[in-house]
Protein backbone atom coordinates (compact mmCIF):
# COMPACT_ATOMS: atom_id res chain seq x y z
CA MET A 1 15.44 79.35 159.33
CA ASN A 2 14.45 76.21 157.81
CA SER A 3 11.06 75.96 155.97
CA ASN A 4 9.78 73.78 153.34
CA PHE A 5 7.09 74.88 151.18
CA SER A 6 6.31 73.78 147.64
CA LEU A 7 5.41 75.71 144.48
CA PRO A 8 4.44 74.29 141.18
CA ILE A 9 6.31 75.40 137.97
CA THR A 10 6.34 74.67 134.42
CA VAL A 11 9.44 74.69 132.48
CA HIS A 12 8.89 75.83 128.98
CA GLY A 13 11.98 75.45 126.76
CA HIS A 14 14.75 76.55 129.09
CA SER A 15 12.72 79.01 130.93
CA PHE A 16 10.11 79.08 133.67
CA GLU A 17 8.34 81.83 135.77
CA LEU A 18 7.81 81.84 139.39
CA LEU A 19 6.17 84.42 141.52
CA GLY A 20 6.10 87.11 138.80
CA LEU A 21 9.78 86.68 137.77
CA GLU A 22 11.41 84.85 134.72
CA TYR A 23 14.07 82.53 135.14
CA ASP A 24 16.36 81.09 132.46
CA VAL A 25 18.15 77.56 132.59
CA ARG A 26 21.52 77.54 130.99
CA LEU A 27 23.20 74.32 130.41
CA GLY A 28 26.63 75.60 130.38
CA ASN A 29 29.37 76.28 127.83
CA ALA A 30 32.98 76.95 127.63
CA ASP A 31 32.60 80.09 129.84
CA GLU A 32 29.76 79.03 132.26
CA SER A 33 30.55 75.23 132.70
CA ARG A 34 28.01 74.37 135.25
CA VAL A 35 24.34 74.08 134.79
CA HIS A 36 22.47 76.77 136.31
CA PHE A 37 19.49 79.10 136.28
CA TYR A 38 19.00 82.82 136.96
CA CYS A 39 16.58 85.63 137.34
CA SER A 40 18.23 88.99 136.48
CA LYS A 41 15.84 91.59 138.45
CA THR A 42 16.51 95.01 139.49
CA GLY A 43 19.36 95.51 141.73
CA ALA A 44 20.09 91.60 142.42
CA MET A 45 20.85 88.56 140.55
CA ILE A 46 19.35 85.28 141.67
CA PHE A 47 21.57 82.33 140.90
CA SER A 48 21.15 78.73 141.14
CA VAL A 49 23.40 75.92 140.55
CA ALA A 50 22.67 72.42 139.90
CA GLU A 51 24.38 70.41 142.74
CA SER A 52 22.83 66.90 142.40
CA GLY A 53 20.27 64.86 140.58
CA VAL A 54 19.81 64.59 137.08
CA ASP A 55 22.63 65.96 134.83
CA LEU A 56 20.79 68.22 132.32
CA THR A 57 23.96 68.41 130.07
CA THR A 58 23.39 64.53 129.17
CA GLN A 59 19.41 64.79 129.77
CA PRO A 60 18.50 68.20 128.65
CA GLU A 61 14.80 67.29 128.36
CA GLY A 62 14.77 67.14 132.08
CA PRO A 63 14.25 64.66 134.73
CA ASP A 64 11.86 61.94 134.04
CA VAL A 65 8.81 61.66 136.48
CA GLY A 66 10.03 61.17 140.16
CA GLU A 67 13.61 62.27 139.44
CA THR A 68 15.02 65.18 141.28
CA ILE A 69 17.50 67.97 140.70
CA VAL A 70 18.96 69.89 143.64
CA TRP A 71 19.74 73.57 143.25
CA ARG A 72 22.13 75.56 145.61
CA SER A 73 21.04 79.21 145.49
CA ASN A 74 22.66 82.45 146.27
CA ASP A 75 19.52 83.88 147.64
CA PRO A 76 19.69 83.44 151.35
CA ASN A 77 15.93 82.62 151.45
CA LEU A 78 16.31 79.83 149.15
CA PHE A 79 19.35 77.98 150.16
CA ARG A 80 18.42 74.75 148.48
CA ILE A 81 15.88 74.17 145.80
CA PHE A 82 14.60 70.63 144.99
CA TRP A 83 12.76 70.17 141.60
CA VAL A 84 10.84 66.89 141.53
CA SER A 85 9.26 65.83 138.30
CA SER A 86 5.68 65.10 138.61
CA TYR A 87 5.03 64.83 134.81
């Protein structure tokens, strides 16, 4: 099922809240080489990996206005997530 919807989020430091869940953005290290964000909740791990767009390892403050990050998710309801910076 394809559906498009938009929800605003505000990233503070390296975390954000969406629909009552807290997510952490990880920029990668020797053990986790890919930029990703995750939400650990009871019984499941929602995990999304940066697939294209702004490289947060070289631009850790995030995308400039109008720039995008595309995330691939392991949540079947959120196969691709598109972040577009609006400010």
